Amino acid sequence: MALIVNVHDAKTRFSQLLEQAHAGQEIILAKAGKPYARMVPLGTTLPRRQPGRFHLSCGDAFFEALPDDELKAWE
């Protein structure tokens, strides 16, 4: 589980947080309580996105003609 640290606190504990990240702990830096950046050990990579892996299906209603009032809204 990631450790969430406010940017102000991270400034005062940077060396400690750096060691924790190097040891494998994920550190989330937050700004005004919202996640802003992540500290992870060097060499840690996110899973690489593979094009074509996203599949979308829709029902037959998707291909039906739109009613006139909706078509006019798009014009």
PDB file of N, CA and C in Angstrom:
ATOM      1  N   MET A   1       0.849  -1.180   0.000  1.00  0.00           N
ATOM      2  CA  MET A   1       0.000   0.000   0.000  1.00  0.00           C
ATOM      3  C   MET A   1       0.893   1.240   0.000  1.00  0.00           C
ATOM      4  N   ALA A   2       0.488   2.236  -0.729  1.00  0.00           N
ATOM      5  CA  ALA A   2       1.277   3.458  -0.862  1.00  0.00           C
ATOM      6  C   ALA A   2       1.158   4.333   0.372  1.00  0.00           C
ATOM      7  N   LEU A   3       2.226   5.030   0.645  1.00  0.00           N
ATOM      8  CA  LEU A   3       2.263   6.003   1.733  1.00  0.00           C
ATOM      9  C   LEU A   3       1.980   7.371   1.126  1.00  0.00           C
ATOM     10  N   ILE A   4       0.984   8.079   1.649  1.00  0.00           N
ATOM     11  CA  ILE A   4       0.630   9.403   1.125  1.00  0.00           C
ATOM     12  C   ILE A   4       1.222  10.460   2.039  1.00  0.00           C
ATOM     13  N   VAL A   5       1.993  11.372   1.450  1.00  0.00           N
ATOM     14  CA  VAL A   5       2.693  12.403   2.216  1.00  0.00           C
ATOM     15  C   VAL A   5       2.442  13.758   1.571  1.00  0.00           C
ATOM     16  N   ASN A   6       2.107  14.743   2.388  1.00  0.00           N
ATOM     17  CA  ASN A   6       1.913  16.105   1.905  1.00  0.00           C
ATOM     18  C   ASN A   6       3.265  16.673   1.461  1.00  0.00           C
ATOM     19  N   VAL A   7       3.270  17.508   0.448  1.00  0.00           N
ATOM     20  CA  VAL A   7       4.504  18.068  -0.096  1.00  0.00           C
ATOM     21  C   VAL A   7       5.310  18.782   0.986  1.00  0.00           C
ATOM     22  N   HIS A   8       4.662  19.523   1.845  1.00  0.00           N
ATOM     23  CA  HIS A   8       5.374  20.240   2.918  1.00  0.00           C
ATOM     24  C   HIS A   8       6.112  19.258   3.826  1.00  0.00           C
ATOM     25  N   ASP A   9       5.441  18.174   4.210  1.00  0.00           N
ATOM     26  CA  ASP A   9       6.087  17.161   5.043  1.00  0.00           C
ATOM     27  C   ASP A   9       7.206  16.452   4.284  1.00  0.00           C
ATOM     28  N   ALA A  10       6.994  16.241   3.000  1.00  0.00           N
ATOM     29  CA  ALA A  10       8.004  15.564   2.188  1.00  0.00           C
ATOM     30  C   ALA A  10       9.285  16.380   2.112  1.00  0.00           C
ATOM     31  N   LYS A  11       9.161  17.704   2.109  1.00  0.00           N
ATOM     32  CA  LYS A  11      10.352  18.551   2.064  1.00  0.00           C
ATOM     33  C   LYS A  11      11.218  18.347   3.306  1.00  0.00           C
ATOM     34  N   THR A  12      10.569  18.197   4.443  1.00  0.00           N
ATOM     35  CA  THR A  12      11.335  18.052   5.685  1.00  0.00           C
ATOM     36  C   THR A  12      11.834  16.618   5.904  1.00  0.00           C
ATOM     37  N   ARG A  13      11.214  15.639   5.229  1.00  0.00           N
ATOM     38  CA  ARG A  13      11.581  14.231   5.410  1.00  0.00           C
ATOM     39  C   ARG A  13      12.093  13.607   4.121  1.00  0.00           C
ATOM     40  N   PHE A  14      12.614  14.427   3.219  1.00  0.00           N
ATOM     41  CA  PHE A  14      12.966  13.941   1.890  1.00  0.00           C
ATOM     42  C   PHE A  14      13.941  12.768   1.921  1.00  0.00           C
ATOM     43  N   SER A  15      15.008  12.869   2.691  1.00  0.00           N
ATOM     44  CA  SER A  15      16.002  11.790   2.743  1.00  0.00           C
ATOM     45  C   SER A  15      15.383  10.484   3.222  1.00  0.00           C
ATOM     46  N   GLN A  16      14.556  10.570   4.250  1.00  0.00           N
ATOM     47  CA  GLN A  16      13.895   9.391   4.783  1.00  0.00           C
ATOM     48  C   GLN A  16      12.960   8.775   3.742  1.00  0.00           C
ATOM     49  N   LEU A  17      12.169   9.621   3.077  1.00  0.00           N
ATOM     50  CA  LEU A  17      11.240   9.134   2.055  1.00  0.00           C
ATOM     51  C   LEU A  17      11.988   8.539   0.865  1.00  0.00           C
ATOM     52  N   LEU A  18      13.121   9.136   0.523  1.00  0.00           N
ATOM     53  CA  LEU A  18      13.929   8.624  -0.575  1.00  0.00           C
ATOM     54  C   LEU A  18      14.419   7.212  -0.265  1.00  0.00           C
ATOM     55  N   GLU A  19      14.862   6.991   0.965  1.00  0.00           N
ATOM     56  CA  GLU A  19      15.302   5.662   1.378  1.00  0.00           C
ATOM     57  C   GLU A  19      14.147   4.667   1.347  1.00  0.00           C
ATOM     58  N   GLN A  20      12.976   5.095   1.797  1.00  0.00           N
ATOM     59  CA  GLN A  20      11.814   4.214   1.779  1.00  0.00           C
ATOM     60  C   GLN A  20      11.439   3.838   0.341  1.00  0.00           C
ATOM     61  N   ALA A  21      11.463   4.818  -0.548  1.00  0.00           N
ATOM     62  CA  ALA A  21      11.142   4.554  -1.952  1.00  0.00           C
ATOM     63  C   ALA A  21      12.171   3.600  -2.546  1.00  0.00           C
ATOM     64  N   HIS A  22      13.428   3.807  -2.237  1.00  0.00           N
ATOM     65  CA  HIS A  22      14.499   2.941  -2.742  1.00  0.00           C
ATOM     66  C   HIS A  22      14.322   1.507  -2.248  1.00  0.00           C
ATOM     67  N   ALA A  23      13.767   1.362  -1.052  1.00  0.00           N
ATOM     68  CA  ALA A  23      13.538   0.038  -0.469  1.00  0.00           C
ATOM     69  C   ALA A  23      12.282  -0.633  -1.027  1.00  0.00           C
ATOM     70  N   GLY A  24      11.522   0.073  -1.875  1.00  0.00           N
ATOM     71  CA  GLY A  24      10.358  -0.529  -2.511  1.00  0.00           C
ATOM     72  C   GLY A  24       9.018   0.058  -2.101  1.00  0.00           C
ATOM     73  N   GLN A  25       9.007   0.966  -1.135  1.00  0.00           N
ATOM     74  CA  GLN A  25       7.757   1.596  -0.686  1.00  0.00           C
ATOM     75  C   GLN A  25       7.324   2.641  -1.713  1.00  0.00           C
ATOM     76  N   GLU A  26       6.082   2.571  -2.146  1.00  0.00           N
ATOM     77  CA  GLU A  26       5.551   3.587  -3.051  1.00  0.00           C
ATOM     78  C   GLU A  26       5.122   4.782  -2.214  1.00  0.00           C
ATOM     79  N   ILE A  27       5.596   5.958  -2.570  1.00  0.00           N
ATOM     80  CA  ILE A  27       5.279   7.196  -1.861  1.00  0.00           C
ATOM     81  C   ILE A  27       4.467   8.076  -2.810  1.00  0.00           C
ATOM     82  N   ILE A  28       3.285   8.479  -2.372  1.00  0.00           N
ATOM     83  CA  ILE A  28       2.461   9.404  -3.142  1.00  0.00           C
ATOM     84  C   ILE A  28       2.599  10.780  -2.507  1.00  0.00           C
ATOM     85  N   LEU A  29       3.031  11.747  -3.284  1.00  0.00           N
ATOM     86  CA  LEU A  29       3.143  13.121  -2.798  1.00  0.00           C
ATOM     87  C   LEU A  29       1.833  13.832  -3.098  1.00  0.00           C
ATOM     88  N   ALA A  30       1.266  14.447  -2.083  1.00  0.00           N
ATOM     89  CA  ALA A  30      -0.025  15.116  -2.227  1.00  0.00           C
ATOM     90  C   ALA A  30       0.141  16.619  -2.051  1.00  0.00           C
ATOM     91  N   LYS A  31      -0.620  17.353  -2.815  1.00  0.00           N
ATOM     92  CA  LYS A  31      -0.626  18.818  -2.736  1.00  0.00           C
ATOM     93  C   LYS A  31      -2.056  19.221  -2.431  1.00  0.00           C
ATOM     94  N   ALA A  32      -2.257  19.872  -1.317  1.00  0.00           N
ATOM     95  CA  ALA A  32      -3.589  20.254  -0.846  1.00  0.00           C
ATOM     96  C   ALA A  32      -4.491  19.022  -0.719  1.00  0.00           C
ATOM     97  N   GLY A  33      -3.898  17.914  -0.293  1.00  0.00           N
ATOM     98  CA  GLY A  33      -4.657  16.699  -0.063  1.00  0.00           C
ATOM     99  C   GLY A  33      -4.964  15.875  -1.299  1.00  0.00           C
ATOM    100  N   LYS A  34      -4.529  16.328  -2.477  1.00  0.00           N
ATOM    101  CA  LYS A  34      -4.798  15.605  -3.717  1.00  0.00           C
ATOM    102  C   LYS A  34      -3.499  14.992  -4.243  1.00  0.00           C
ATOM    103  N   PRO A  35      -3.544  13.731  -4.678  1.00  0.00           N
ATOM    104  CA  PRO A  35      -2.335  13.093  -5.221  1.00  0.00           C
ATOM    105  C   PRO A  35      -1.742  13.936  -6.339  1.00  0.00           C
ATOM    106  N   TYR A  36      -0.405  14.087  -6.288  1.00  0.00           N
ATOM    107  CA  TYR A  36       0.263  14.988  -7.217  1.00  0.00           C
ATOM    108  C   TYR A  36       1.400  14.298  -7.968  1.00  0.00           C
ATOM    109  N   ALA A  37       2.172  13.456  -7.259  1.00  0.00           N
ATOM    110  CA  ALA A  37       3.309  12.769  -7.877  1.00  0.00           C
ATOM    111  C   ALA A  37       3.575  11.479  -7.105  1.00  0.00           C
ATOM    112  N   ARG A  38       4.392  10.624  -7.706  1.00  0.00           N
ATOM    113  CA  ARG A  38       4.702   9.344  -7.083  1.00  0.00           C
ATOM    114  C   ARG A  38       6.214   9.147  -7.031  1.00  0.00           C
ATOM    115  N   MET A  39       6.706   8.672  -5.899  1.00  0.00           N
ATOM    116  CA  MET A  39       8.112   8.286  -5.755  1.00  0.00           C
ATOM    117  C   MET A  39       8.162   6.764  -5.734  1.00  0.00           C
ATOM    118  N   VAL A  40       8.929   6.200  -6.649  1.00  0.00           N
ATOM    119  CA  VAL A  40       9.123   4.757  -6.706  1.00  0.00           C
ATOM    120  C   VAL A  40      10.602   4.495  -6.976  1.00  0.00           C
ATOM    121  N   PRO A  41      11.083   3.305  -6.679  1.00  0.00           N
ATOM    122  CA  PRO A  41      12.492   3.026  -6.954  1.00  0.00           C
ATOM    123  C   PRO A  41      12.794   3.115  -8.449  1.00  0.00           C
ATOM    124  N   LEU A  42      13.961   3.556  -8.764  1.00  0.00           N
ATOM    125  CA  LEU A  42      14.402   3.616 -10.149  1.00  0.00           C
ATOM    126  C   LEU A  42      14.375   2.210 -10.728  1.00  0.00           C
ATOM    127  N   GLY A  43      13.900   2.087 -11.932  1.00  0.00           N
ATOM    128  CA  GLY A  43      13.781   0.773 -12.545  1.00  0.00           C
ATOM    129  C   GLY A  43      12.375   0.218 -12.443  1.00  0.00           C
ATOM    130  N   THR A  44      11.542   0.807 -11.603  1.00  0.00           N
ATOM    131  CA  THR A  44      10.155   0.390 -11.521  1.00  0.00           C
ATOM    132  C   THR A  44       9.411   1.028 -12.678  1.00  0.00           C
ATOM    133  N   THR A  45       8.764   0.223 -13.452  1.00  0.00           N
ATOM    134  CA  THR A  45       8.030   0.759 -14.596  1.00  0.00           C
ATOM    135  C   THR A  45       6.569   0.361 -14.496  1.00  0.00           C
ATOM    136  N   LEU A  46       5.750   1.164 -15.088  1.00  0.00           N
ATOM    137  CA  LEU A  46       4.334   0.850 -15.183  1.00  0.00           C
ATOM    138  C   LEU A  46       4.142  -0.166 -16.295  1.00  0.00           C
ATOM    139  N   PRO A  47       3.107  -0.964 -16.203  1.00  0.00           N
ATOM    140  CA  PRO A  47       2.870  -1.915 -17.292  1.00  0.00           C
ATOM    141  C   PRO A  47       2.728  -1.180 -18.617  1.00  0.00           C
ATOM    142  N   ARG A  48       3.395  -1.683 -19.625  1.00  0.00           N
ATOM    143  CA  ARG A  48       3.369  -1.045 -20.940  1.00  0.00           C
ATOM    144  C   ARG A  48       2.019  -1.302 -21.603  1.00  0.00           C
ATOM    145  N   ARG A  49       1.449  -0.236 -22.140  1.00  0.00           N
ATOM    146  CA  ARG A  49       0.164  -0.340 -22.819  1.00  0.00           C
ATOM    147  C   ARG A  49       0.361  -1.059 -24.146  1.00  0.00           C
ATOM    148  N   GLN A  50      -0.525  -1.992 -24.435  1.00  0.00           N
ATOM    149  CA  GLN A  50      -0.451  -2.722 -25.690  1.00  0.00           C
ATOM    150  C   GLN A  50      -1.633  -2.326 -26.563  1.00  0.00           C
ATOM    151  N   PRO A  51      -1.373  -1.650 -27.679  1.00  0.00           N
ATOM    152  CA  PRO A  51      -2.467  -1.256 -28.573  1.00  0.00           C
ATOM    153  C   PRO A  51      -3.285  -2.471 -29.001  1.00  0.00           C
ATOM    154  N   GLY A  52      -4.574  -2.269 -29.085  1.00  0.00           N
ATOM    155  CA  GLY A  52      -5.455  -3.336 -29.520  1.00  0.00           C
ATOM    156  C   GLY A  52      -5.981  -4.199 -28.396  1.00  0.00           C
ATOM    157  N   ARG A  53      -5.618  -3.898 -27.152  1.00  0.00           N
ATOM    158  CA  ARG A  53      -6.066  -4.709 -26.035  1.00  0.00           C
ATOM    159  C   ARG A  53      -7.404  -4.241 -25.479  1.00  0.00           C
ATOM    160  N   PHE A  54      -7.897  -3.089 -25.927  1.00  0.00           N
ATOM    161  CA  PHE A  54      -9.158  -2.545 -25.451  1.00  0.00           C
ATOM    162  C   PHE A  54     -10.258  -2.989 -26.405  1.00  0.00           C
ATOM    163  N   HIS A  55     -11.268  -3.634 -25.880  1.00  0.00           N
ATOM    164  CA  HIS A  55     -12.364  -4.106 -26.724  1.00  0.00           C
ATOM    165  C   HIS A  55     -13.667  -3.486 -26.241  1.00  0.00           C
ATOM    166  N   LEU A  56     -14.417  -2.979 -27.170  1.00  0.00           N
ATOM    167  CA  LEU A  56     -15.682  -2.330 -26.863  1.00  0.00           C
ATOM    168  C   LEU A  56     -16.778  -3.049 -27.631  1.00  0.00           C
ATOM    169  N   SER A  57     -17.851  -3.322 -26.949  1.00  0.00           N
ATOM    170  CA  SER A  57     -18.984  -3.916 -27.641  1.00  0.00           C
ATOM    171  C   SER A  57     -20.211  -3.057 -27.372  1.00  0.00           C
ATOM    172  N   CYS A  58     -21.098  -3.027 -28.324  1.00  0.00           N
ATOM    173  CA  CYS A  58     -22.327  -2.255 -28.157  1.00  0.00           C
ATOM    174  C   CYS A  58     -23.475  -3.035 -28.785  1.00  0.00           C
ATOM    175  N   GLY A  59     -24.653  -2.742 -28.331  1.00  0.00           N
ATOM    176  CA  GLY A  59     -25.837  -3.437 -28.840  1.00  0.00           C
ATOM    177  C   GLY A  59     -26.270  -2.922 -30.192  1.00  0.00           C
ATOM    178  N   ASP A  60     -27.251  -3.574 -30.746  1.00  0.00           N
ATOM    179  CA  ASP A  60     -27.775  -3.193 -32.055  1.00  0.00           C
ATOM    180  C   ASP A  60     -28.370  -1.788 -32.059  1.00  0.00           C
ATOM    181  N   ALA A  61     -28.851  -1.318 -30.910  1.00  0.00           N
ATOM    182  CA  ALA A  61     -29.453   0.015 -30.828  1.00  0.00           C
ATOM    183  C   ALA A  61     -28.446   1.103 -31.195  1.00  0.00           C
ATOM    184  N   PHE A  62     -27.168   0.840 -31.024  1.00  0.00           N
ATOM    185  CA  PHE A  62     -26.135   1.815 -31.362  1.00  0.00           C
ATOM    186  C   PHE A  62     -26.184   2.186 -32.841  1.00  0.00           C
ATOM    187  N   PHE A  63     -26.540   1.234 -33.684  1.00  0.00           N
ATOM    188  CA  PHE A  63     -26.524   1.447 -35.124  1.00  0.00           C
ATOM    189  C   PHE A  63     -27.855   1.945 -35.682  1.00  0.00           C
ATOM    190  N   GLU A  64     -28.849   2.076 -34.836  1.00  0.00           N
ATOM    191  CA  GLU A  64     -30.144   2.581 -35.293  1.00  0.00           C
ATOM    192  C   GLU A  64     -30.064   4.087 -35.520  1.00  0.00           C
ATOM    193  N   ALA A  65     -30.881   4.583 -36.431  1.00  0.00           N
ATOM    194  CA  ALA A  65     -30.906   6.019 -36.735  1.00  0.00           C
ATOM    195  C   ALA A  65     -31.373   6.809 -35.510  1.00  0.00           C
ATOM    196  N   LEU A  66     -30.789   7.986 -35.339  1.00  0.00           N
ATOM    197  CA  LEU A  66     -31.195   8.856 -34.234  1.00  0.00           C
ATOM    198  C   LEU A  66     -32.527   9.528 -34.567  1.00  0.00           C
ATOM    199  N   PRO A  67     -33.318   9.818 -33.544  1.00  0.00           N
ATOM    200  CA  PRO A  67     -34.548  10.575 -33.797  1.00  0.00           C
ATOM    201  C   PRO A  67     -34.210  11.963 -34.345  1.00  0.00           C
ATOM    202  N   ASP A  68     -35.153  12.559 -35.094  1.00  0.00           N
ATOM    203  CA  ASP A  68     -34.937  13.856 -35.739  1.00  0.00           C
ATOM    204  C   ASP A  68     -34.495  14.935 -34.762  1.00  0.00           C
ATOM    205  N   ASP A  69     -35.096  14.987 -33.552  1.00  0.00           N
ATOM    206  CA  ASP A  69     -34.735  16.053 -32.596  1.00  0.00           C
ATOM    207  C   ASP A  69     -33.276  15.913 -32.139  1.00  0.00           C
ATOM    208  N   GLU A  70     -32.784  14.689 -32.005  1.00  0.00           N
ATOM    209  CA  GLU A  70     -31.380  14.507 -31.622  1.00  0.00           C
ATOM    210  C   GLU A  70     -30.452  14.844 -32.779  1.00  0.00           C
ATOM    211  N   LEU A  71     -30.846  14.491 -33.982  1.00  0.00           N
ATOM    212  CA  LEU A  71     -30.032  14.847 -35.155  1.00  0.00           C
ATOM    213  C   LEU A  71     -29.898  16.354 -35.303  1.00  0.00           C
ATOM    214  N   LYS A  72     -30.975  17.087 -35.061  1.00  0.00           N
ATOM    215  CA  LYS A  72     -30.952  18.551 -35.171  1.00  0.00           C
ATOM    216  C   LYS A  72     -30.027  19.153 -34.109  1.00  0.00           C
ATOM    217  N   ALA A  73     -29.958  18.523 -32.938  1.00  0.00           N
ATOM    218  CA  ALA A  73     -29.076  19.023 -31.876  1.00  0.00           C
ATOM    219  C   ALA A  73     -27.610  18.937 -32.276  1.00  0.00           C
ATOM    220  N   TRP A  74     -27.267  18.012 -33.157  1.00  0.00           N
ATOM    221  CA  TRP A  74     -25.867  17.850 -33.596  1.00  0.00           C
ATOM    222  C   TRP A  74     -25.525  18.793 -34.737  1.00  0.00           C
ATOM    223  N   GLU A  75     -26.502  19.395 -35.356  1.00  0.00           N
ATOM    224  CA  GLU A  75     -26.222  20.281 -36.488  1.00  0.00           C
ATOM    225  C   GLU A  75     -25.902  21.681 -36.050  1.00  0.00           C
TER     226      GLU A  75
END
